[in-house]
C-alpha atoms as a PDB file:
ATOM      1  CA  MET A   1      -0.267   0.141   0.052  1.00  0.00           C
ATOM      2  CA  ASN A   2       1.249   3.474  -1.278  1.00  0.00           C
ATOM      3  CA  GLN A   3       0.073   6.203   0.629  1.00  0.00           C
ATOM      4  CA  THR A   4       1.716   9.498   1.099  1.00  0.00           C
ATOM      5  CA  PRO A   5       2.144  10.536   4.492  1.00  0.00           C
ATOM      6  CA  VAL A   6       0.551  13.760   5.741  1.00  0.00           C
ATOM      7  CA  THR A   7       2.591  16.575   6.741  1.00  0.00           C
ATOM      8  CA  SER A   8       2.719  19.179   9.255  1.00  0.00           C
ATOM      9  CA  ARG A   9       2.317  21.798   6.910  1.00  0.00           C
ATOM     10  CA  GLN A  10      -0.769  19.981   4.878  1.00  0.00           C
ATOM     11  CA  LYS A  11      -4.129  20.459   6.394  1.00  0.00           C
ATOM     12  CA  VAL A  12      -6.376  17.582   7.101  1.00  0.00           C
ATOM     13  CA  ARG A  13     -10.517  18.591   6.669  1.00  0.00           C
ATOM     14  CA  ARG A  14     -12.767  16.654   8.300  1.00  0.00           C
ATOM     15  CA  PRO A  15     -16.611  17.250   8.588  1.00  0.00           C
ATOM     16  CA  ALA A  16     -17.174  20.248  10.891  1.00  0.00           C
ATOM     17  CA  GLN A  17     -18.485  19.329  14.302  1.00  0.00           C
ATOM     18  CA  ALA A  18     -19.680  21.530  17.156  1.00  0.00           C
ATOM     19  CA  PRO A  19     -17.420  23.297  19.221  1.00  0.00           C
ATOM     20  CA  LEU A  20     -16.045  21.527  22.467  1.00  0.00           C
ATOM     21  CA  LEU A  21     -18.251  23.931  24.773  1.00  0.00           C
ATOM     22  CA  ASP A  22     -21.278  23.404  23.066  1.00  0.00           C
ATOM     23  CA  ARG A  23     -21.124  19.689  22.805  1.00  0.00           C
ATOM     24  CA  LEU A  24     -20.497  19.565  26.676  1.00  0.00           C
ATOM     25  CA  ILE A  25     -23.539  21.851  27.747  1.00  0.00           C
ATOM     26  CA  ASP A  26     -26.189  19.909  28.541  1.00  0.00           C
ATOM     27  CA  GLU A  27     -29.509  21.335  27.433  1.00  0.00           C
ATOM     28  CA  GLU A  28     -31.418  18.997  29.232  1.00  0.00           C
ATOM     29  CA  PRO A  29     -29.666  18.434  32.552  1.00  0.00           C
ATOM     30  CA  ALA A  30     -33.181  16.521  33.949  1.00  0.00           C
ATOM     31  CA  ARG A  31     -33.001  13.802  31.202  1.00  0.00           C
ATOM     32  CA  GLY A  32     -30.829  11.308  32.471  1.00  0.00           C
ATOM     33  CA  GLY A  33     -28.965  11.088  28.613  1.00  0.00           C
ATOM     34  CA  ASP A  34     -28.492  13.052  25.439  1.00  0.00           C
ATOM     35  CA  VAL A  35     -31.570  12.481  23.177  1.00  0.00           C
ATOM     36  CA  PRO A  36     -30.463  11.931  19.354  1.00  0.00           C
ATOM     37  CA  VAL A  37     -30.954  14.814  17.161  1.00  0.00           C
ATOM     38  CA  SER A  38     -31.900  14.484  13.461  1.00  0.00           C
ATOM     39  CA  ALA A  39     -28.916  15.509  10.793  1.00  0.00           C
ATOM     40  CA  THR A  40     -31.306  18.404   9.854  1.00  0.00           C
ATOM     41  CA  GLU A  41     -31.395  19.805  14.193  1.00  0.00           C
ATOM     42  CA  THR A  42     -27.612  18.718  13.924  1.00  0.00           C
ATOM     43  CA  LEU A  43     -27.088  21.102  10.802  1.00  0.00           C
ATOM     44  CA  GLU A  44     -29.483  23.745  12.187  1.00  0.00           C
ATOM     45  CA  ARG A  45     -27.011  23.531  15.695  1.00  0.00           C
ATOM     46  CA  LEU A  46     -24.419  24.057  13.760  1.00  0.00           C
ATOM     47  CA  ARG A  47     -25.527  27.224  11.985  1.00  0.00           C
ATOM     48  CA  ARG A  48     -26.178  28.704  14.731  1.00  0.00           C
ATOM     49  CA  SER A  49     -23.096  27.982  16.478  1.00  0.00           C
ATOM     50  CA  VAL A  50     -21.462  29.367  13.212  1.00  0.00           C
ATOM     51  CA  HIS A  51     -23.492  32.851  13.740  1.00  0.00           C
ATOM     52  CA  ARG A  52     -22.435  33.311  16.950  1.00  0.00           C
ATOM     53  CA  ASP A  53     -19.390  33.098  16.901  1.00  0.00           C
ATOM     54  CA  LEU A  54     -19.012  34.773  13.919  1.00  0.00           C
ATOM     55  CA  GLU A  55     -20.764  37.400  15.641  1.00  0.00           C
ATOM     56  CA  GLY A  56     -18.438  37.285  18.576  1.00  0.00           C
ATOM     57  CA  LEU A  57     -15.135  37.015  16.253  1.00  0.00           C
ATOM     58  CA  LEU A  58     -16.586  40.189  14.585  1.00  0.00           C
ATOM     59  CA  ASN A  59     -17.272  42.679  17.856  1.00  0.00           C
ATOM     60  CA  ALA A  60     -14.030  41.554  19.200  1.00  0.00           C
ATOM     61  CA  ARG A  61     -11.340  43.895  18.366  1.00  0.00           C
ATOM     62  CA  ARG A  62      -7.845  43.659  17.812  1.00  0.00           C
ATOM     63  CA  PRO A  63      -4.973  45.883  19.520  1.00  0.00           C
ATOM     64  CA  TRP A  64      -3.527  47.390  16.092  1.00  0.00           C
ATOM     65  CA  ARG A  65      -4.328  47.957  13.163  1.00  0.00           C
ATOM     66  CA  SER A  66      -1.258  46.378  10.866  1.00  0.00           C
ATOM     67  CA  VAL A  67       1.089  44.156  12.460  1.00  0.00           C
ATOM     68  CA  PRO A  68       4.635  45.154  13.575  1.00  0.00           C
ATOM     69  CA  ASP A  69       7.301  44.018  11.338  1.00  0.00           C
ATOM     70  CA  GLY A  70       8.706  40.629  11.995  1.00  0.00           C
ATOM     71  CA  LEU A  71       5.983  39.574  13.776  1.00  0.00           C
ATOM     72  CA  SER A  72       3.715  38.306  11.181  1.00  0.00           C
ATOM     73  CA  GLU A  73       2.599  35.287  12.710  1.00  0.00           C
ATOM     74  CA  LEU A  74       1.091  37.445  15.646  1.00  0.00           C
ATOM     75  CA  ARG A  75      -2.112  38.234  13.032  1.00  0.00           C
ATOM     76  CA  LEU A  76      -2.679  33.870  13.664  1.00  0.00           C
ATOM     77  CA  SER A  77      -1.897  33.974  16.801  1.00  0.00           C
ATOM     78  CA  PRO A  78      -5.065  34.865  20.055  1.00  0.00           C
ATOM     79  CA  LEU A  79      -3.647  38.054  20.520  1.00  0.00           C
ATOM     80  CA  GLY A  80      -4.654  38.642  16.533  1.00  0.00           C
ATOM     81  CA  TYR A  81      -8.540  37.421  17.241  1.00  0.00           C
ATOM     82  CA  GLY A  82     -10.921  39.849  15.840  1.00  0.00           C
ATOM     83  CA  ILE A  83     -10.894  43.207  13.590  1.00  0.00           C
ATOM     84  CA  PRO A  84      -8.793  46.296  13.563  1.00  0.00           C
ATOM     85  CA  ASP A  85     -11.108  49.064  15.704  1.00  0.00           C
ATOM     86  CA  PHE A  86     -12.707  50.758  12.672  1.00  0.00           C
ATOM     87  CA  THR A  87     -14.619  53.559  14.600  1.00  0.00           C
ATOM     88  CA  ALA A  88     -12.217  56.468  14.088  1.00  0.00           C
ATOM     89  CA  GLY A  89     -12.794  55.596  10.301  1.00  0.00           C
ATOM     90  CA  ALA A  90     -14.787  57.345   7.595  1.00  0.00           C
ATOM     91  CA  PHE A  91     -17.064  55.079   5.917  1.00  0.00           C
ATOM     92  CA  ASN A  92     -17.808  57.689   2.997  1.00  0.00           C
ATOM     93  CA  ASP A  93     -14.156  56.672   1.767  1.00  0.00           C
ATOM     94  CA  ARG A  94     -14.075  53.708  -0.535  1.00  0.00           C
ATOM     95  CA  ARG A  95     -10.484  52.881   0.521  1.00  0.00           C
ATOM     96  CA  GLN A  96     -11.774  52.791   4.338  1.00  0.00           C
ATOM     97  CA  ARG A  97     -14.410  50.302   3.429  1.00  0.00           C
ATOM     98  CA  GLU A  98     -12.510  47.977   1.407  1.00  0.00           C
ATOM     99  CA  ALA A  99      -9.960  48.006   3.976  1.00  0.00           C
ATOM    100  CA  LEU A 100     -12.307  47.139   6.611  1.00  0.00           C
ATOM    101  CA  ARG A 101     -13.954  44.263   4.153  1.00  0.00           C
ATOM    102  CA  SER A 102     -10.941  43.041   3.972  1.00  0.00           C
ATOM    103  CA  GLU A 103      -9.861  42.420   7.566  1.00  0.00           C
ATOM    104  CA  ILE A 104     -13.665  41.183   8.195  1.00  0.00           C
ATOM    105  CA  GLU A 105     -12.724  38.228   5.326  1.00  0.00           C
ATOM    106  CA  GLU A 106      -9.120  37.850   6.313  1.00  0.00           C
ATOM    107  CA  ALA A 107     -10.421  37.451   9.827  1.00  0.00           C
ATOM    108  CA  ILE A 108     -13.411  34.963   9.303  1.00  0.00           C
ATOM    109  CA  LEU A 109     -10.521  32.744   7.208  1.00  0.00           C
ATOM    110  CA  HIS A 110      -7.666  32.754   9.644  1.00  0.00           C
ATOM    111  CA  PHE A 111     -10.348  32.055  12.802  1.00  0.00           C
ATOM    112  CA  GLU A 112     -13.319  30.369  11.828  1.00  0.00           C
ATOM    113  CA  PRO A 113     -12.677  26.842  10.305  1.00  0.00           C
ATOM    114  CA  ARG A 114     -15.928  25.512  10.024  1.00  0.00           C
ATOM    115  CA  LEU A 115     -16.075  27.873   6.735  1.00  0.00           C
ATOM    116  CA  SER A 116     -14.637  27.566   3.780  1.00  0.00           C
ATOM    117  CA  GLN A 117     -14.522  29.703   0.435  1.00  0.00           C
ATOM    118  CA  VAL A 118     -15.315  33.061   2.497  1.00  0.00           C
ATOM    119  CA  GLN A 119     -16.588  36.270   0.671  1.00  0.00           C
ATOM    120  CA  VAL A 120     -17.337  39.532   1.876  1.00  0.00           C
ATOM    121  CA  GLN A 121     -18.943  41.677  -0.603  1.00  0.00           C
ATOM    122  CA  LEU A 122     -19.856  45.270   0.015  1.00  0.00           C
ATOM    123  CA  ILE A 123     -22.984  46.075  -0.329  1.00  0.00           C
ATOM    124  CA  ASP A 124     -23.350  49.929  -1.455  1.00  0.00           C
ATOM    125  CA  ASP A 125     -25.984  51.851  -1.248  1.00  0.00           C
ATOM    126  CA  GLY A 126     -24.823  55.302  -2.526  1.00  0.00           C
ATOM    127  CA  ASP A 127     -25.231  56.991   0.905  1.00  0.00           C
ATOM    128  CA  LEU A 128     -21.789  58.921   1.650  1.00  0.00           C
ATOM    129  CA  LEU A 129     -22.963  60.563   4.925  1.00  0.00           C
ATOM    130  CA  ARG A 130     -23.715  56.734   6.544  1.00  0.00           C
ATOM    131  CA  THR A 131     -22.354  55.642   9.801  1.00  0.00           C
ATOM    132  CA  THR A 132     -22.815  52.074   9.030  1.00  0.00           C
ATOM    133  CA  LEU A 133     -21.606  49.563   6.610  1.00  0.00           C
ATOM    134  CA  ARG A 134     -23.326  46.607   5.372  1.00  0.00           C
ATOM    135  CA  LEU A 135     -22.115  43.539   4.121  1.00  0.00           C
ATOM    136  CA  ARG A 136     -22.443  40.280   2.683  1.00  0.00           C
ATOM    137  CA  ILE A 137     -20.685  37.082   3.805  1.00  0.00           C
ATOM    138  CA  ASP A 138     -21.044  33.865   1.877  1.00  0.00           C
ATOM    139  CA  ALA A 139     -19.304  30.898   2.481  1.00  0.00           C
ATOM    140  CA  LEU A 140     -19.573  27.119   2.810  1.00  0.00           C
ATOM    141  CA  LEU A 141     -20.344  25.460   5.797  1.00  0.00           C
ATOM    142  CA  ARG A 142     -17.812  21.901   6.588  1.00  0.00           C
ATOM    143  CA  ALA A 143     -20.914  20.330   6.862  1.00  0.00           C
ATOM    144  CA  HIS A 144     -21.417  16.036   6.439  1.00  0.00           C
ATOM    145  CA  PRO A 145     -21.754  14.493   4.103  1.00  0.00           C
ATOM    146  CA  ALA A 146     -21.685  17.682   2.044  1.00  0.00           C
ATOM    147  CA  PRO A 147     -20.879  21.291   2.164  1.00  0.00           C
ATOM    148  CA  GLU A 148     -23.944  23.749   2.987  1.00  0.00           C
ATOM    149  CA  PRO A 149     -23.734  27.197   1.765  1.00  0.00           C
ATOM    150  CA  ILE A 150     -24.078  29.919   4.248  1.00  0.00           C
ATOM    151  CA  ILE A 151     -24.781  33.524   3.744  1.00  0.00           C
ATOM    152  CA  PHE A 152     -25.208  36.606   6.502  1.00  0.00           C
ATOM    153  CA  ASP A 153     -26.187  40.237   6.028  1.00  0.00           C
ATOM    154  CA  THR A 154     -23.931  42.006   8.144  1.00  0.00           C
ATOM    155  CA  ILE A 155     -24.338  45.210   9.514  1.00  0.00           C
ATOM    156  CA  VAL A 156     -21.094  47.711  10.884  1.00  0.00           C
ATOM    157  CA  ASP A 157     -22.462  50.738  13.046  1.00  0.00           C
ATOM    158  CA  ALA A 158     -19.479  52.877  13.678  1.00  0.00           C
ATOM    159  CA  THR A 159     -21.011  54.460  16.026  1.00  0.00           C
ATOM    160  CA  THR A 160     -21.830  51.775  18.411  1.00  0.00           C
ATOM    161  CA  ALA A 161     -18.954  49.416  16.961  1.00  0.00           C
ATOM    162  CA  ASP A 162     -21.223  46.654  16.940  1.00  0.00           C
ATOM    163  CA  VAL A 163     -21.491  44.592  14.165  1.00  0.00           C
ATOM    164  CA  THR A 164     -24.990  42.478  13.751  1.00  0.00           C
ATOM    165  CA  LEU A 165     -25.286  39.580  11.453  1.00  0.00           C
ATOM    166  CA  ARG A 166     -28.590  38.067  10.480  1.00  0.00           C
ATOM    167  CA  PRO A 167     -28.787  34.375   7.986  1.00  0.00           C
ATOM    168  CA  LEU A 168     -30.016  34.860   5.104  1.00  0.00           C
ATOM    169  CA  GLN A 169     -31.390  31.957   3.025  1.00  0.00           C
ATOM    170  CA  GLU A 170     -29.859  30.994   0.007  1.00  0.00           C
ATOM    171  CA  ALA A 171     -31.269  32.526  -3.102  1.00  0.00           C
END
């Protein structure tokens, strides 16, 4: 049998499962054991978990805007979790909107392994006096037996520093 060994640089992709904390939480402690759930319910729980964790990621703030020279690995460490503080930015500047869009996409790619093929798009409403930024996040949820599309309508509010995600059904 001639199999190629997996090196440390290669990532083995497995179907997503609920985070450890979600698996440890007993939603019905009075019950003697876990109730089996359907595949549909398992997928729905996974979607809710990703929604919650993604909202947490995008509402966390990194203490720097750009990575200091010589510390490129810092971005991938727990200290790199989140996105830069955007409250001083101007959403009427196309470059700043694009920079934040790019930061959000990179944060999702680095810190949400249950999603693949992540694309974050700016939704332009033409209002140059806006204090909010609207984005659409499209990705594939690593689910078993096959990946599932997942879409979020996202509002970034510069005045409150909040990021709100609303799941959308695939069109």
